[in-house]
Each structure stands twice: as C-alpha cells, then as structure tokens.
C-alpha cells in the first residue's frame, strides 16, 4: 500500500510511535506475514535503523516469549524479513536471544533454523561472532553447530576466536555431548587449519 512509504520518511522515534500506535508487536501472525511481504516490495529499501526498529517491534517480544516452536506464520514472517534485512535482524533479535538467561530452548531452535535456512553467509558469520561475544553455554552450542553446518568459509580471526573459545571453555563442558560433537565438527571441517 502507498501508505507504507511513510516508513521511509519517519525519524526513529516517530517509527517507534507508529509501530506502537498500530500495535505491530501484537498483531495476528497471519497479518504479520502480509506486512513483511509489503516491506519486501517497498522502494527504496528501509534504512538500517528503520529495519532494526521494525525487527524489534515486529518480532522481539514474540520470539522471547515463545514457549513452544514458532507457528508456520511466524516462521514465514521471520524468513521473509530476513531475506532482505538480515543484518539489522541479527543485530537486534539474535543478539537478544543469545543474551537471554535460562534455557530458551525454543529461541535457540529458532536461531538454528534461521541460520540453517534463511541467513546469508555474512550474517551466518555475524551470528557466530555474536555467540563468541557472550559466555558459551550449553544453550548456545547448537547455534555454533548450526553455523558450522553451513560450511561457510570463516575469516581467520573469527576461526581463531572460535578455536580459542572452545579451548578455554573445555573444562566447563567436560561432560557435554554437544561440546564433544562441536569439537569433532571443527576438527573434521577445518582440519587443515587446526594445528
């Protein structure tokens, strides 16, 4: 709809106010899918800041409050948004999920699904760097495994940080099967780089 062009001319505070007025954070998920498809068609593209605000307003509360696997509508909306605005999405949403205390099994599974199916290679590397910025936990090991499963070429400094983190954290994961799988995956995939 032509009214959506207002998103390109809003200041960040105006955009937050508009999202609040439209109650985007609580709109039904089937409408969220339609809204995201409209965002994809919007020209010119949203600015990084506007996309980050929309990622937060549209998805953050929904994702952090998940108590079961996301609906197909929510996954479709997330995939749609990620296809065009994955950098701001990762900076806002993935970062929040990684820093959320507790188990967060549904959120972790969601991030793994996005890494495996939706994100571009540069965003897959961004997710890995975000994981390595926070203390590694059992909850985050599947995310690293999902990143490695994409078999992307990692920049040397990011690969070195991954190996260093795994070495330093080894004592804490002495009894972890996920950690053992992760180390095996690193040794298998990157054997030429590991000494």
Protein backbone atom coordinates (compact mmCIF):
# COMPACT_ATOMS: atom_id res chain seq x y z
CA UNK A 1 0.00 0.00 0.00
CA UNK A 2 1.24 3.54 -0.78
CA UNK A 3 0.78 4.49 2.88
CA UNK A 4 3.78 2.32 3.75
CA UNK A 5 6.10 4.86 2.12
CA UNK A 6 5.75 6.83 5.35
CA UNK A 7 8.17 4.27 6.88
CA UNK A 8 10.97 5.77 4.77
CA UNK A 9 10.36 9.30 6.00
CA UNK A 10 9.92 8.65 9.74
CA UNK A 11 12.56 9.50 12.29
CA UNK A 12 13.43 6.58 14.63
CA UNK A 13 11.22 7.92 17.43
CA UNK A 14 8.34 8.53 15.01
CA UNK A 15 8.69 5.00 13.68
CA UNK A 16 8.60 3.56 17.21
CA UNK A 17 5.49 5.64 17.92
CA UNK A 18 3.85 4.47 14.69
CA UNK A 19 4.59 0.81 15.50
CA UNK A 20 3.13 1.30 18.95
CA UNK A 21 0.03 3.05 17.55
CA UNK A 22 -0.50 0.25 15.01
CA UNK A 23 0.17 -2.37 17.74
CA UNK A 24 2.53 -4.23 15.42
CA UNK A 25 4.12 -6.14 18.29
CA UNK A 26 0.80 -7.89 18.98
CA UNK A 27 -0.84 -8.07 15.55
CA UNK A 28 -2.04 -11.54 14.50
CA UNK A 29 0.69 -13.62 12.92
CA UNK A 30 -1.09 -14.15 9.58
CA UNK A 31 -1.20 -10.35 9.19
CA UNK A 32 2.47 -10.18 10.13
CA UNK A 33 3.28 -12.35 7.10
CA UNK A 34 1.38 -9.95 4.82
CA UNK A 35 3.03 -6.90 6.38
CA UNK A 36 6.50 -8.41 5.86
CA UNK A 37 5.70 -9.18 2.21
CA UNK A 38 4.75 -5.49 1.78
CA UNK A 39 8.08 -4.48 3.36
CA UNK A 40 9.92 -6.56 0.75
CA UNK A 41 8.18 -4.67 -2.04
CA UNK A 42 8.87 -1.25 -0.52
CA UNK A 43 11.15 1.03 -2.56
CA UNK A 44 13.53 2.45 -1.68
CA UNK A 45 14.62 -0.11 0.91
CA UNK A 46 14.29 0.78 4.56
CA UNK A 47 17.33 2.30 6.23
CA UNK A 48 19.34 0.08 8.58
CA UNK A 49 17.95 1.95 11.62
CA UNK A 50 14.34 1.68 10.45
CA UNK A 51 14.75 -2.03 9.70
CA UNK A 52 16.28 -2.59 13.16
CA UNK A 53 13.36 -0.80 14.82
CA UNK A 54 10.86 -2.86 12.84
CA UNK A 55 12.70 -6.09 13.67
CA UNK A 56 12.43 -5.21 17.34
CA UNK A 57 8.80 -4.09 17.16
CA UNK A 58 7.57 -6.96 14.99
CA UNK A 59 9.47 -9.89 16.42
CA UNK A 60 11.39 -9.36 19.66
CA UNK A 61 8.54 -9.78 22.15
CA UNK A 62 7.08 -12.71 20.18
CA UNK A 63 10.37 -14.58 19.97
CA UNK A 64 11.46 -14.02 23.57
CA UNK A 65 8.07 -15.20 24.86
CA UNK A 66 7.99 -18.43 22.83
CA UNK A 67 7.17 -21.45 24.97
CA UNK A 68 6.75 -23.82 22.04
CA UNK A 69 8.05 -23.98 18.50
CA UNK A 70 7.00 -20.95 16.41
CA UNK A 71 3.94 -21.19 14.18
CA UNK A 72 4.41 -21.51 10.44
CA UNK A 73 3.08 -17.95 10.07
CA UNK A 74 5.72 -16.58 12.42
CA UNK A 75 8.46 -18.56 10.68
CA UNK A 76 7.26 -17.31 7.28
CA UNK A 77 7.29 -13.70 8.52
CA UNK A 78 10.78 -14.11 10.02
CA UNK A 79 12.13 -15.73 6.84
CA UNK A 80 10.57 -13.00 4.72
CA UNK A 81 12.02 -10.19 6.83
CA UNK A 82 15.44 -11.90 7.00
CA UNK A 83 15.60 -12.27 3.24
CA UNK A 84 16.04 -8.51 2.86
CA UNK A 85 17.04 -7.12 6.27
CA UNK A 86 19.13 -9.87 7.85
CA UNK A 87 21.90 -7.62 9.23
CA UNK A 88 19.64 -5.43 11.39
CA UNK A 89 17.57 -8.51 12.26
CA UNK A 90 20.65 -10.33 13.60
CA UNK A 91 21.89 -7.28 15.48
CA UNK A 92 18.55 -6.85 17.24
CA UNK A 93 16.91 -10.22 17.59
CA UNK A 94 19.66 -12.81 17.54
CA UNK A 95 21.72 -10.72 19.98
CA UNK A 96 18.75 -10.55 22.39
CA UNK A 97 18.17 -14.31 22.21
CA UNK A 98 21.86 -15.05 22.84
CA UNK A 99 21.94 -12.81 25.91
CA UNK A 100 18.67 -14.09 27.36
CA UNK A 101 19.39 -16.08 30.52
CA UNK A 102 17.99 -19.56 31.07
CA UNK A 103 17.32 -22.48 28.81
CA UNK A 104 15.50 -20.74 25.97
CA UNK A 105 15.22 -23.99 24.01
CA UNK A 106 12.57 -22.67 21.60
CA UNK A 107 14.52 -19.48 20.95
CA UNK A 108 17.75 -21.40 20.37
CA UNK A 109 15.98 -23.78 17.96
CA UNK A 110 14.55 -20.76 16.13
CA UNK A 111 18.00 -19.18 15.71
CA UNK A 112 19.37 -22.53 14.49
CA UNK A 113 16.55 -22.78 11.92
CA UNK A 114 17.24 -19.25 10.69
CA UNK A 115 20.98 -19.95 10.42
CA UNK A 116 20.37 -23.20 8.53
CA UNK A 117 17.67 -21.96 6.16
CA UNK A 118 17.41 -18.17 5.89
CA UNK A 119 20.54 -16.17 6.59
CA UNK A 120 23.09 -15.06 4.02
CA UNK A 121 26.73 -16.19 4.59
CA UNK A 122 27.84 -12.81 6.01
CA UNK A 123 25.01 -12.97 8.57
CA UNK A 124 25.90 -16.56 9.47
CA UNK A 125 29.38 -15.28 10.32
CA UNK A 126 27.82 -12.37 12.24
CA UNK A 127 25.78 -14.83 14.34
CA UNK A 128 28.95 -16.78 15.16
CA UNK A 129 30.78 -13.61 16.21
CA UNK A 130 27.78 -12.68 18.40
CA UNK A 131 27.83 -16.12 20.05
CA UNK A 132 31.55 -15.78 20.78
CA UNK A 133 30.98 -12.39 22.46
CA UNK A 134 28.94 -13.94 25.28
CA UNK A 135 29.99 -16.72 27.69
CA UNK A 136 29.49 -20.05 25.93
CA UNK A 137 26.73 -22.18 27.43
CA UNK A 138 25.04 -25.49 26.68
CA UNK A 139 22.16 -23.47 25.18
CA UNK A 140 24.47 -21.83 22.61
CA UNK A 141 26.35 -24.93 21.44
CA UNK A 142 23.61 -25.93 18.92
CA UNK A 143 23.81 -22.43 17.38
CA UNK A 144 27.56 -22.84 16.78
CA UNK A 145 26.85 -26.33 15.40
CA UNK A 146 24.26 -24.84 13.00
CA UNK A 147 26.79 -22.23 11.85
CA UNK A 148 29.40 -24.92 11.19
CA UNK A 149 26.75 -26.98 9.39
CA UNK A 150 26.52 -24.24 6.77
CA UNK A 151 30.21 -24.92 5.94
CA UNK A 152 30.91 -21.26 5.28
CA UNK A 153 34.49 -20.09 4.97
CA UNK A 154 35.30 -18.33 8.23
CA UNK A 155 37.71 -15.38 8.28
CA UNK A 156 40.97 -16.38 10.04
CA UNK A 157 40.38 -14.07 13.03
CA UNK A 158 36.87 -15.47 13.59
CA UNK A 159 38.09 -19.06 13.24
CA UNK A 160 40.93 -18.38 15.68
CA UNK A 161 38.46 -16.89 18.16
CA UNK A 162 36.23 -19.95 17.82
CA UNK A 163 39.11 -22.36 18.49
CA UNK A 164 40.40 -20.24 21.38
CA UNK A 165 36.93 -20.09 22.94
CA UNK A 166 36.46 -23.85 22.60
CA UNK A 167 39.87 -24.49 24.19
CA UNK A 168 39.28 -22.11 27.09
CA UNK A 169 35.79 -23.45 27.79
CA UNK A 170 36.76 -27.14 27.59
CA UNK A 171 36.85 -27.76 31.39
CA UNK A 172 33.29 -26.42 31.80
CA UNK A 173 32.00 -28.84 29.16
CA UNK A 174 33.84 -31.97 30.27
CA UNK A 175 30.58 -33.96 30.42
CA UNK A 176 28.82 -32.34 27.44
CA UNK A 177 27.94 -34.45 24.43
CA UNK A 178 27.06 -31.30 22.42
CA UNK A 179 30.50 -29.87 23.12
CA UNK A 180 32.16 -33.11 22.01
CA UNK A 181 30.13 -33.05 18.77
CA UNK A 182 31.10 -29.44 18.20
CA UNK A 183 34.82 -30.05 18.67
CA UNK A 184 34.60 -33.08 16.37
CA UNK A 185 32.85 -30.95 13.73
CA UNK A 186 35.57 -28.26 13.94
CA UNK A 187 38.34 -30.85 13.68
CA UNK A 188 36.62 -32.56 10.71
CA UNK A 189 35.65 -29.47 8.72
CA UNK A 190 38.72 -27.35 9.35
CA UNK A 191 41.43 -29.97 9.81
CA UNK A 192 43.85 -28.11 7.55
CA UNK A 193 43.58 -25.02 9.77
CA UNK A 194 43.82 -26.76 13.14
CA UNK A 195 47.28 -27.50 14.47
